[in-house]
Amino acid sequence: MKFFLREKPMDEKRFYHCETCGEQIEITEENSPVPECCNQPMKEAKDLQSCLESSTAEHSRFEQSDEPCDDGRSGKI
């Protein structure tokens, strides 16, 4: 019998970083206090716009961002 460790979905995880030393941690426990590093509270990491947007016109999407990508195999242009 195999047992699998179930990971929490990304929306239940929180990511923090230290502005002093750059340490990054992931918190999966609900209602946990804000972690501290270098004797100060860590800052919660937010979504980075550079990760959500294309850096070149060739890779940009013209449809809604929640629709699946068209990889060109459908034959539609």
Protein backbone atom coordinates (compact mmCIF):
# COMPACT_ATOMS: atom_id res chain seq x y z
CA MET A 1 0.00 0.00 0.00
CA LYS A 2 1.35 3.42 -0.97
CA PHE A 3 0.70 6.61 0.90
CA PHE A 4 1.06 9.99 -0.73
CA LEU A 5 1.77 13.20 1.07
CA ARG A 6 -0.96 15.61 0.08
CA GLU A 7 0.27 19.11 -0.57
CA LYS A 8 -1.87 22.15 0.06
CA PRO A 9 -3.10 24.14 -2.94
CA MET A 10 -1.16 27.29 -3.77
CA ASP A 11 -3.96 29.54 -2.54
CA GLU A 12 -3.57 28.09 0.97
CA LYS A 13 0.18 28.73 1.06
CA ARG A 14 1.76 32.02 2.01
CA PHE A 15 5.28 33.07 1.13
CA TYR A 16 7.40 35.47 3.18
CA HIS A 17 10.77 37.08 2.57
CA CYS A 18 13.24 38.97 4.73
CA GLU A 19 14.14 42.40 3.41
CA THR A 20 17.49 42.33 5.25
CA CYS A 21 19.06 38.98 4.31
CA GLY A 22 16.75 37.74 1.51
CA GLU A 23 15.66 34.55 3.31
CA GLN A 24 12.41 33.12 1.88
CA ILE A 25 10.00 30.72 3.60
CA GLU A 26 6.65 29.09 2.86
CA ILE A 27 3.89 28.88 5.49
CA THR A 28 1.12 26.29 5.11
CA GLU A 29 -0.39 26.45 8.60
CA GLU A 30 -3.58 28.44 8.99
CA ASN A 31 -3.61 31.29 11.51
CA SER A 32 0.16 31.14 11.99
CA PRO A 33 1.86 34.36 13.15
CA VAL A 34 4.03 36.38 10.80
CA PRO A 35 7.53 34.85 10.93
CA GLU A 36 10.52 36.90 12.03
CA CYS A 37 14.04 37.02 10.62
CA CYS A 38 16.95 39.34 11.49
CA ASN A 39 14.94 40.55 14.52
CA GLN A 40 12.11 41.98 12.40
CA PRO A 41 8.83 40.66 10.93
CA MET A 42 9.13 39.19 7.44
CA LYS A 43 7.15 40.70 4.55
CA GLU A 44 4.53 38.64 2.73
CA ALA A 45 5.48 38.10 -0.91
CA LYS A 46 2.92 39.32 -3.45
CA ASP A 47 2.36 38.19 -7.04
CA LEU A 48 5.01 39.57 -9.32
CA GLN A 49 3.64 41.31 -12.40
CA SER A 50 6.74 40.30 -14.35
CA CYS A 51 5.75 36.65 -13.84
CA LEU A 52 2.23 37.26 -15.11
CA GLU A 53 3.06 39.24 -18.26
CA SER A 54 5.04 38.37 -21.36
CA SER A 55 8.36 40.07 -21.95
CA THR A 56 8.01 39.88 -25.76
CA ALA A 57 5.16 40.47 -28.21
CA GLU A 58 5.55 36.96 -29.64
CA HIS A 59 4.61 35.39 -26.30
CA SER A 60 1.77 37.71 -25.35
CA ARG A 61 -1.79 36.42 -25.19
CA PHE A 62 -4.61 38.24 -26.92
CA GLU A 63 -7.43 36.34 -25.21
CA GLN A 64 -8.53 36.45 -21.59
CA SER A 65 -5.76 35.28 -19.26
CA ASP A 66 -7.98 32.60 -17.70
CA GLU A 67 -8.58 30.85 -21.05
CA PRO A 68 -6.28 27.98 -22.09
CA CYS A 69 -3.41 28.75 -24.44
CA ASP A 70 -3.67 27.87 -28.14
CA ASP A 71 -0.45 26.11 -29.06
CA GLY A 72 -1.26 26.12 -32.78
CA ARG A 73 -2.20 22.45 -33.11
CA SER A 74 -5.89 23.18 -33.68
CA GLY A 75 -5.27 24.56 -37.18
CA LYS A 76 -7.02 27.84 -36.38
CA ILE A 77 -5.12 31.01 -37.08
